[in-house]
Amino acid sequence: MVESVGSSTIRTGDTRIAGVTRVAPATPAATPATPASTAAAAAATAPTLAKSMAASAPVDSDRVQQIKAAIAAGTFPLSPSTIADQLIALKYDWIANEQA
């Protein structure tokens, strides 16, 4: 049977109420100490690293040459269904990201 909604008093030893167990407070995680010289060196090289990475596109030129050679020789595998699937996927991605 279900008790009606209303005010009721909770009594000690009530079997409907679970006991409470206290636990120790969480301790903050230790952060590794970074020497000042290492941090300064990393901060100094960050702009130059970004500039050098932005200077050229991340292209595997050996792989590009292999694909060009395979296309020229007529041995590059083309799958019309794979190409169509990728075009449809790109269209759906474009529609999903289009602003109203």
Foldseek 3Di string as FASTA:
>chain_A
DDDDDDDDDDDPPPPVDDDDDDDDDDDDDDDDDDDPVVVVVCVVCVVVVVVVPVVDDPDDVVVVVVQVVCVVVVNDDDDPVVVVVVVVVVVVVCVVPDDD
